[in-house]
Amino acid sequence: MNTHLDGNVLAGALGEVFAVDITTAVAQCASCGTSQAMGQALVYTDAPGLVARCRTCGEVVLRVTRSPGRTWLDMRGVRCLELHVPGE
């Protein structure tokens, strides 16, 4: 029998992860496999949000759109995200 919890169980873990500087996180591009710090991405601000592209192949790795009280994060272009968590 499979059991599951609702998405609220993610709040603690994701809150801790995204409390770190995301620009130092190493993202692996889902398109070409290159691993680079997010701070090295090519970010375009002329869209309805921020669009980050892989510096190697140019594919979109991340989209961030904000409005008052909300943030939308699309990371389908990131195969894996490695974060350094201080104190661990």
PDB file of N, CA and C in Angstrom:
ATOM      1  N   MET A   1       0.835  -1.181   0.000  1.00  0.00           N
ATOM      2  CA  MET A   1       0.000   0.000   0.000  1.00  0.00           C
ATOM      3  C   MET A   1       0.878   1.242   0.000  1.00  0.00           C
ATOM      4  N   ASN A   2       0.684   2.113  -0.957  1.00  0.00           N
ATOM      5  CA  ASN A   2       1.442   3.360  -1.030  1.00  0.00           C
ATOM      6  C   ASN A   2       0.751   4.426  -0.200  1.00  0.00           C
ATOM      7  N   THR A   3       1.542   5.129   0.588  1.00  0.00           N
ATOM      8  CA  THR A   3       0.988   6.254   1.338  1.00  0.00           C
ATOM      9  C   THR A   3       1.692   7.517   0.893  1.00  0.00           C
ATOM     10  N   HIS A   4       1.033   8.615   1.029  1.00  0.00           N
ATOM     11  CA  HIS A   4       1.641   9.884   0.642  1.00  0.00           C
ATOM     12  C   HIS A   4       1.156  10.987   1.567  1.00  0.00           C
ATOM     13  N   LEU A   5       1.909  12.056   1.577  1.00  0.00           N
ATOM     14  CA  LEU A   5       1.557  13.259   2.318  1.00  0.00           C
ATOM     15  C   LEU A   5       1.311  14.362   1.308  1.00  0.00           C
ATOM     16  N   ASP A   6       0.636  15.421   1.706  1.00  0.00           N
ATOM     17  CA  ASP A   6       0.431  16.517   0.759  1.00  0.00           C
ATOM     18  C   ASP A   6       1.694  17.374   0.667  1.00  0.00           C
ATOM     19  N   GLY A   7       1.711  18.286  -0.274  1.00  0.00           N
ATOM     20  CA  GLY A   7       2.886  19.107  -0.559  1.00  0.00           C
ATOM     21  C   GLY A   7       3.357  19.980   0.585  1.00  0.00           C
ATOM     22  N   ASN A   8       2.537  20.158   1.605  1.00  0.00           N
ATOM     23  CA  ASN A   8       2.956  20.983   2.741  1.00  0.00           C
ATOM     24  C   ASN A   8       4.159  20.405   3.469  1.00  0.00           C
ATOM     25  N   VAL A   9       4.380  19.111   3.347  1.00  0.00           N
ATOM     26  CA  VAL A   9       5.522  18.489   4.002  1.00  0.00           C
ATOM     27  C   VAL A   9       6.846  18.987   3.415  1.00  0.00           C
ATOM     28  N   LEU A  10       6.814  19.551   2.224  1.00  0.00           N
ATOM     29  CA  LEU A  10       8.026  20.075   1.585  1.00  0.00           C
ATOM     30  C   LEU A  10       8.459  21.429   2.134  1.00  0.00           C
ATOM     31  N   ALA A  11       7.578  22.105   2.849  1.00  0.00           N
ATOM     32  CA  ALA A  11       7.848  23.480   3.289  1.00  0.00           C
ATOM     33  C   ALA A  11       9.148  23.604   4.066  1.00  0.00           C
ATOM     34  N   GLY A  12       9.387  22.725   5.004  1.00  0.00           N
ATOM     35  CA  GLY A  12      10.600  22.818   5.815  1.00  0.00           C
ATOM     36  C   GLY A  12      11.862  22.617   4.991  1.00  0.00           C
ATOM     37  N   ALA A  13      11.899  21.545   4.223  1.00  0.00           N
ATOM     38  CA  ALA A  13      13.091  21.234   3.432  1.00  0.00           C
ATOM     39  C   ALA A  13      13.365  22.294   2.379  1.00  0.00           C
ATOM     40  N   LEU A  14      12.343  22.714   1.647  1.00  0.00           N
ATOM     41  CA  LEU A  14      12.561  23.715   0.606  1.00  0.00           C
ATOM     42  C   LEU A  14      12.864  25.082   1.196  1.00  0.00           C
ATOM     43  N   GLY A  15      12.281  25.397   2.329  1.00  0.00           N
ATOM     44  CA  GLY A  15      12.573  26.668   2.998  1.00  0.00           C
ATOM     45  C   GLY A  15      14.031  26.755   3.398  1.00  0.00           C
ATOM     46  N   GLU A  16      14.589  25.648   3.855  1.00  0.00           N
ATOM     47  CA  GLU A  16      16.002  25.613   4.227  1.00  0.00           C
ATOM     48  C   GLU A  16      16.896  25.695   3.003  1.00  0.00           C
ATOM     49  N   VAL A  17      16.537  24.997   1.959  1.00  0.00           N
ATOM     50  CA  VAL A  17      17.368  24.961   0.750  1.00  0.00           C
ATOM     51  C   VAL A  17      17.435  26.319   0.085  1.00  0.00           C
ATOM     52  N   PHE A  18      16.301  26.977  -0.100  1.00  0.00           N
ATOM     53  CA  PHE A  18      16.287  28.241  -0.806  1.00  0.00           C
ATOM     54  C   PHE A  18      16.605  29.430   0.082  1.00  0.00           C
ATOM     55  N   ALA A  19      16.996  29.159   1.296  1.00  0.00           N
ATOM     56  CA  ALA A  19      17.467  30.227   2.177  1.00  0.00           C
ATOM     57  C   ALA A  19      18.942  30.517   1.913  1.00  0.00           C
ATOM     58  N   VAL A  20      19.563  29.707   1.066  1.00  0.00           N
ATOM     59  CA  VAL A  20      20.965  29.915   0.710  1.00  0.00           C
ATOM     60  C   VAL A  20      21.055  30.750  -0.562  1.00  0.00           C
ATOM     61  N   ASP A  21      22.246  31.207  -0.867  1.00  0.00           N
ATOM     62  CA  ASP A  21      22.476  32.001  -2.075  1.00  0.00           C
ATOM     63  C   ASP A  21      22.387  31.102  -3.303  1.00  0.00           C
ATOM     64  N   ILE A  22      21.325  31.230  -4.058  1.00  0.00           N
ATOM     65  CA  ILE A  22      21.088  30.372  -5.219  1.00  0.00           C
ATOM     66  C   ILE A  22      22.114  30.595  -6.328  1.00  0.00           C
ATOM     67  N   THR A  23      22.762  31.743  -6.352  1.00  0.00           N
ATOM     68  CA  THR A  23      23.738  32.007  -7.418  1.00  0.00           C
ATOM     69  C   THR A  23      24.984  31.140  -7.280  1.00  0.00           C
ATOM     70  N   THR A  24      25.241  30.600  -6.102  1.00  0.00           N
ATOM     71  CA  THR A  24      26.392  29.719  -5.912  1.00  0.00           C
ATOM     72  C   THR A  24      26.028  28.259  -6.137  1.00  0.00           C
ATOM     73  N   ALA A  25      24.745  27.972  -6.286  1.00  0.00           N
ATOM     74  CA  ALA A  25      24.300  26.603  -6.539  1.00  0.00           C
ATOM     75  C   ALA A  25      24.770  26.171  -7.919  1.00  0.00           C
ATOM     76  N   VAL A  26      25.188  24.921  -8.031  1.00  0.00           N
ATOM     77  CA  VAL A  26      25.649  24.390  -9.310  1.00  0.00           C
ATOM     78  C   VAL A  26      24.495  23.652  -9.972  1.00  0.00           C
ATOM     79  N   ALA A  27      24.111  24.119 -11.150  1.00  0.00           N
ATOM     80  CA  ALA A  27      23.008  23.524 -11.906  1.00  0.00           C
ATOM     81  C   ALA A  27      23.562  22.745 -13.083  1.00  0.00           C
ATOM     82  N   GLN A  28      22.989  21.570 -13.314  1.00  0.00           N
ATOM     83  CA  GLN A  28      23.358  20.795 -14.487  1.00  0.00           C
ATOM     84  C   GLN A  28      22.273  21.002 -15.537  1.00  0.00           C
ATOM     85  N   CYS A  29      22.659  21.490 -16.690  1.00  0.00           N
ATOM     86  CA  CYS A  29      21.731  21.764 -17.778  1.00  0.00           C
ATOM     87  C   CYS A  29      21.100  20.458 -18.266  1.00  0.00           C
ATOM     88  N   ALA A  30      19.776  20.432 -18.349  1.00  0.00           N
ATOM     89  CA  ALA A  30      19.070  19.249 -18.814  1.00  0.00           C
ATOM     90  C   ALA A  30      19.292  19.002 -20.298  1.00  0.00           C
ATOM     91  N   SER A  31      19.712  20.025 -21.040  1.00  0.00           N
ATOM     92  CA  SER A  31      19.906  19.887 -22.476  1.00  0.00           C
ATOM     93  C   SER A  31      21.296  19.355 -22.832  1.00  0.00           C
ATOM     94  N   CYS A  32      22.347  20.025 -22.339  1.00  0.00           N
ATOM     95  CA  CYS A  32      23.708  19.650 -22.750  1.00  0.00           C
ATOM     96  C   CYS A  32      24.516  18.960 -21.655  1.00  0.00           C
ATOM     97  N   GLY A  33      24.031  18.976 -20.408  1.00  0.00           N
ATOM     98  CA  GLY A  33      24.728  18.291 -19.321  1.00  0.00           C
ATOM     99  C   GLY A  33      25.820  19.094 -18.646  1.00  0.00           C
ATOM    100  N   THR A  34      26.062  20.318 -19.103  1.00  0.00           N
ATOM    101  CA  THR A  34      27.086  21.158 -18.488  1.00  0.00           C
ATOM    102  C   THR A  34      26.665  21.542 -17.081  1.00  0.00           C
ATOM    103  N   SER A  35      27.611  21.483 -16.142  1.00  0.00           N
ATOM    104  CA  SER A  35      27.355  21.919 -14.765  1.00  0.00           C
ATOM    105  C   SER A  35      28.075  23.228 -14.524  1.00  0.00           C
ATOM    106  N   GLN A  36      27.319  24.247 -14.111  1.00  0.00           N
ATOM    107  CA  GLN A  36      27.876  25.570 -13.840  1.00  0.00           C
ATOM    108  C   GLN A  36      27.095  26.208 -12.707  1.00  0.00           C
ATOM    109  N   ALA A  37      27.753  27.127 -11.998  1.00  0.00           N
ATOM    110  CA  ALA A  37      27.065  27.893 -10.958  1.00  0.00           C
ATOM    111  C   ALA A  37      25.953  28.715 -11.606  1.00  0.00           C
ATOM    112  N   MET A  38      24.822  28.833 -10.930  1.00  0.00           N
ATOM    113  CA  MET A  38      23.708  29.613 -11.465  1.00  0.00           C
ATOM    114  C   MET A  38      24.124  31.058 -11.737  1.00  0.00           C
ATOM    115  N   GLY A  39      25.092  31.551 -10.990  1.00  0.00           N
ATOM    116  CA  GLY A  39      25.589  32.900 -11.213  1.00  0.00           C
ATOM    117  C   GLY A  39      26.263  33.072 -12.562  1.00  0.00           C
ATOM    118  N   GLN A  40      26.587  31.975 -13.238  1.00  0.00           N
ATOM    119  CA  GLN A  40      27.212  32.039 -14.557  1.00  0.00           C
ATOM    120  C   GLN A  40      26.193  31.991 -15.693  1.00  0.00           C
ATOM    121  N   ALA A  41      24.938  31.788 -15.364  1.00  0.00           N
ATOM    122  CA  ALA A  41      23.903  31.709 -16.400  1.00  0.00           C
ATOM    123  C   ALA A  41      23.752  33.057 -17.094  1.00  0.00           C
ATOM    124  N   LEU A  42      23.250  33.012 -18.303  1.00  0.00           N
ATOM    125  CA  LEU A  42      22.934  34.226 -19.052  1.00  0.00           C
ATOM    126  C   LEU A  42      21.489  34.573 -18.735  1.00  0.00           C
ATOM    127  N   VAL A  43      21.260  35.679 -18.058  1.00  0.00           N
ATOM    128  CA  VAL A  43      19.917  36.035 -17.597  1.00  0.00           C
ATOM    129  C   VAL A  43      19.368  37.197 -18.415  1.00  0.00           C
ATOM    130  N   TYR A  44      18.147  36.996 -18.908  1.00  0.00           N
ATOM    131  CA  TYR A  44      17.475  38.007 -19.709  1.00  0.00           C
ATOM    132  C   TYR A  44      16.329  38.588 -18.883  1.00  0.00           C
ATOM    133  N   THR A  45      16.258  39.905 -18.854  1.00  0.00           N
ATOM    134  CA  THR A  45      15.254  40.574 -18.024  1.00  0.00           C
ATOM    135  C   THR A  45      14.155  41.253 -18.833  1.00  0.00           C
ATOM    136  N   ASP A  46      14.177  41.096 -20.155  1.00  0.00           N
ATOM    137  CA  ASP A  46      13.185  41.774 -20.992  1.00  0.00           C
ATOM    138  C   ASP A  46      11.941  40.924 -21.238  1.00  0.00           C
ATOM    139  N   ALA A  47      11.805  39.840 -20.503  1.00  0.00           N
ATOM    140  CA  ALA A  47      10.605  39.005 -20.576  1.00  0.00           C
ATOM    141  C   ALA A  47       9.709  39.375 -19.390  1.00  0.00           C
ATOM    142  N   PRO A  48       8.554  38.756 -19.278  1.00  0.00           N
ATOM    143  CA  PRO A  48       7.722  39.027 -18.099  1.00  0.00           C
ATOM    144  C   PRO A  48       8.280  38.337 -16.856  1.00  0.00           C
ATOM    145  N   GLY A  49       9.530  38.487 -16.615  1.00  0.00           N
ATOM    146  CA  GLY A  49      10.228  37.860 -15.495  1.00  0.00           C
ATOM    147  C   GLY A  49      11.691  37.739 -15.864  1.00  0.00           C
ATOM    148  N   LEU A  50      12.378  36.842 -15.187  1.00  0.00           N
ATOM    149  CA  LEU A  50      13.789  36.578 -15.477  1.00  0.00           C
ATOM    150  C   LEU A  50      13.898  35.238 -16.185  1.00  0.00           C
ATOM    151  N   VAL A  51      14.689  35.174 -17.225  1.00  0.00           N
ATOM    152  CA  VAL A  51      14.920  33.936 -17.961  1.00  0.00           C
ATOM    153  C   VAL A  51      16.420  33.669 -17.945  1.00  0.00           C
ATOM    154  N   ALA A  52      16.818  32.548 -17.363  1.00  0.00           N
ATOM    155  CA  ALA A  52      18.238  32.171 -17.295  1.00  0.00           C
ATOM    156  C   ALA A  52      18.510  31.085 -18.323  1.00  0.00           C
ATOM    157  N   ARG A  53      19.552  31.306 -19.116  1.00  0.00           N
ATOM    158  CA  ARG A  53      19.943  30.348 -20.153  1.00  0.00           C
ATOM    159  C   ARG A  53      21.316  29.778 -19.860  1.00  0.00           C
ATOM    160  N   CYS A  54      21.535  28.550 -20.267  1.00  0.00           N
ATOM    161  CA  CYS A  54      22.826  27.887 -20.120  1.00  0.00           C
ATOM    162  C   CYS A  54      23.863  28.651 -20.931  1.00  0.00           C
ATOM    163  N   ARG A  55      24.978  28.937 -20.311  1.00  0.00           N
ATOM    164  CA  ARG A  55      26.054  29.666 -20.985  1.00  0.00           C
ATOM    165  C   ARG A  55      26.661  28.830 -22.112  1.00  0.00           C
ATOM    166  N   THR A  56      26.582  27.515 -22.036  1.00  0.00           N
ATOM    167  CA  THR A  56      27.195  26.637 -23.036  1.00  0.00           C
ATOM    168  C   THR A  56      26.312  26.431 -24.271  1.00  0.00           C
ATOM    169  N   CYS A  57      25.040  26.039 -24.052  1.00  0.00           N
ATOM    170  CA  CYS A  57      24.188  25.702 -25.202  1.00  0.00           C
ATOM    171  C   CYS A  57      23.066  26.710 -25.465  1.00  0.00           C
ATOM    172  N   GLY A  58      22.817  27.615 -24.525  1.00  0.00           N
ATOM    173  CA  GLY A  58      21.802  28.641 -24.732  1.00  0.00           C
ATOM    174  C   GLY A  58      20.379  28.235 -24.395  1.00  0.00           C
ATOM    175  N   GLU A  59      20.163  26.994 -23.975  1.00  0.00           N
ATOM    176  CA  GLU A  59      18.809  26.558 -23.625  1.00  0.00           C
ATOM    177  C   GLU A  59      18.365  27.179 -22.306  1.00  0.00           C
ATOM    178  N   VAL A  60      17.065  27.364 -22.142  1.00  0.00           N
ATOM    179  CA  VAL A  60      16.513  27.920 -20.911  1.00  0.00           C
ATOM    180  C   VAL A  60      16.664  26.902 -19.791  1.00  0.00           C
ATOM    181  N   VAL A  61      17.249  27.330 -18.672  1.00  0.00           N
ATOM    182  CA  VAL A  61      17.381  26.461 -17.506  1.00  0.00           C
ATOM    183  C   VAL A  61      16.449  26.875 -16.379  1.00  0.00           C
ATOM    184  N   LEU A  62      16.083  28.153 -16.327  1.00  0.00           N
ATOM    185  CA  LEU A  62      15.284  28.641 -15.207  1.00  0.00           C
ATOM    186  C   LEU A  62      14.473  29.859 -15.615  1.00  0.00           C
ATOM    187  N   ARG A  63      13.238  29.920 -15.127  1.00  0.00           N
ATOM    188  CA  ARG A  63      12.394  31.106 -15.309  1.00  0.00           C
ATOM    189  C   ARG A  63      11.854  31.495 -13.937  1.00  0.00           C
ATOM    190  N   VAL A  64      11.884  32.780 -13.647  1.00  0.00           N
ATOM    191  CA  VAL A  64      11.327  33.296 -12.397  1.00  0.00           C
ATOM    192  C   VAL A  64      10.416  34.456 -12.734  1.00  0.00           C
ATOM    193  N   THR A  65       9.187  34.363 -12.261  1.00  0.00           N
ATOM    194  CA  THR A  65       8.227  35.444 -12.444  1.00  0.00           C
ATOM    195  C   THR A  65       7.653  35.786 -11.082  1.00  0.00           C
ATOM    196  N   ARG A  66       7.562  37.071 -10.797  1.00  0.00           N
ATOM    197  CA  ARG A  66       7.067  37.516  -9.496  1.00  0.00           C
ATOM    198  C   ARG A  66       5.897  38.461  -9.661  1.00  0.00           C
ATOM    199  N   SER A  67       5.032  38.431  -8.680  1.00  0.00           N
ATOM    200  CA  SER A  67       3.954  39.398  -8.539  1.00  0.00           C
ATOM    201  C   SER A  67       3.808  39.631  -7.041  1.00  0.00           C
ATOM    202  N   PRO A  68       3.061  40.622  -6.630  1.00  0.00           N
ATOM    203  CA  PRO A  68       2.938  40.864  -5.198  1.00  0.00           C
ATOM    204  C   PRO A  68       2.461  39.615  -4.443  1.00  0.00           C
ATOM    205  N   GLY A  69       3.290  39.133  -3.548  1.00  0.00           N
ATOM    206  CA  GLY A  69       2.943  37.990  -2.722  1.00  0.00           C
ATOM    207  C   GLY A  69       3.113  36.629  -3.363  1.00  0.00           C
ATOM    208  N   ARG A  70       3.628  36.563  -4.599  1.00  0.00           N
ATOM    209  CA  ARG A  70       3.779  35.275  -5.292  1.00  0.00           C
ATOM    210  C   ARG A  70       5.054  35.245  -6.123  1.00  0.00           C
ATOM    211  N   THR A  71       5.602  34.051  -6.247  1.00  0.00           N
ATOM    212  CA  THR A  71       6.740  33.820  -7.129  1.00  0.00           C
ATOM    213  C   THR A  71       6.506  32.511  -7.867  1.00  0.00           C
ATOM    214  N   TRP A  72       6.711  32.520  -9.180  1.00  0.00           N
ATOM    215  CA  TRP A  72       6.630  31.310  -9.987  1.00  0.00           C
ATOM    216  C   TRP A  72       8.045  30.939 -10.407  1.00  0.00           C
ATOM    217  N   LEU A  73       8.397  29.681 -10.217  1.00  0.00           N
ATOM    218  CA  LEU A  73       9.741  29.184 -10.518  1.00  0.00           C
ATOM    219  C   LEU A  73       9.610  27.976 -11.436  1.00  0.00           C
ATOM    220  N   ASP A  74      10.187  28.071 -12.618  1.00  0.00           N
ATOM    221  CA  ASP A  74      10.186  26.973 -13.587  1.00  0.00           C
ATOM    222  C   ASP A  74      11.632  26.536 -13.769  1.00  0.00           C
ATOM    223  N   MET A  75      11.949  25.331 -13.321  1.00  0.00           N
ATOM    224  CA  MET A  75      13.320  24.824 -13.396  1.00  0.00           C
ATOM    225  C   MET A  75      13.411  23.575 -14.265  1.00  0.00           C
ATOM    226  N   ARG A  76      12.522  23.433 -15.240  1.00  0.00           N
ATOM    227  CA  ARG A  76      12.532  22.206 -16.041  1.00  0.00           C
ATOM    228  C   ARG A  76      13.811  22.038 -16.854  1.00  0.00           C
ATOM    229  N   GLY A  77      14.584  23.107 -17.029  1.00  0.00           N
ATOM    230  CA  GLY A  77      15.838  23.011 -17.764  1.00  0.00           C
ATOM    231  C   GLY A  77      17.027  22.624 -16.903  1.00  0.00           C
ATOM    232  N   VAL A  78      16.785  22.388 -15.608  1.00  0.00           N
ATOM    233  CA  VAL A  78      17.849  21.979 -14.687  1.00  0.00           C
ATOM    234  C   VAL A  78      17.665  20.504 -14.373  1.00  0.00           C
ATOM    235  N   ARG A  79      18.652  19.696 -14.716  1.00  0.00           N
ATOM    236  CA  ARG A  79      18.594  18.269 -14.421  1.00  0.00           C
ATOM    237  C   ARG A  79      18.838  18.017 -12.948  1.00  0.00           C
ATOM    238  N   CYS A  80      19.748  18.791 -12.369  1.00  0.00           N
ATOM    239  CA  CYS A  80      20.138  18.604 -10.980  1.00  0.00           C
ATOM    240  C   CYS A  80      20.645  19.936 -10.446  1.00  0.00           C
ATOM    241  N   LEU A  81      20.344  20.229  -9.190  1.00  0.00           N
ATOM    242  CA  LEU A  81      20.808  21.478  -8.562  1.00  0.00           C
ATOM    243  C   LEU A  81      21.524  21.114  -7.280  1.00  0.00           C
ATOM    244  N   GLU A  82      22.813  21.469  -7.208  1.00  0.00           N
ATOM    245  CA  GLU A  82      23.635  21.174  -6.042  1.00  0.00           C
ATOM    246  C   GLU A  82      23.808  22.446  -5.232  1.00  0.00           C
ATOM    247  N   LEU A  83      23.408  22.388  -3.955  1.00  0.00           N
ATOM    248  CA  LEU A  83      23.474  23.562  -3.075  1.00  0.00           C
ATOM    249  C   LEU A  83      24.378  23.277  -1.895  1.00  0.00           C
ATOM    250  N   HIS A  84      25.160  24.259  -1.515  1.00  0.00           N
ATOM    251  CA  HIS A  84      25.965  24.175  -0.297  1.00  0.00           C
ATOM    252  C   HIS A  84      25.107  24.710   0.839  1.00  0.00           C
ATOM    253  N   VAL A  85      24.889  23.887   1.856  1.00  0.00           N
ATOM    254  CA  VAL A  85      24.082  24.286   2.995  1.00  0.00           C
ATOM    255  C   VAL A  85      25.040  24.605   4.140  1.00  0.00           C
ATOM    256  N   PRO A  86      25.138  25.879   4.531  1.00  0.00           N
ATOM    257  CA  PRO A  86      26.058  26.270   5.602  1.00  0.00           C
ATOM    258  C   PRO A  86      25.781  25.517   6.906  1.00  0.00           C
ATOM    259  N   GLY A  87      26.846  25.163   7.579  1.00  0.00           N
ATOM    260  CA  GLY A  87      26.730  24.520   8.876  1.00  0.00           C
ATOM    261  C   GLY A  87      26.515  23.023   8.825  1.00  0.00           C
ATOM    262  N   GLU A  88      26.498  22.432   7.663  1.00  0.00           N
ATOM    263  CA  GLU A  88      26.320  20.972   7.570  1.00  0.00           C
ATOM    264  C   GLU A  88      27.529  20.317   6.972  1.00  0.00           C
TER     265      GLU A  88
END
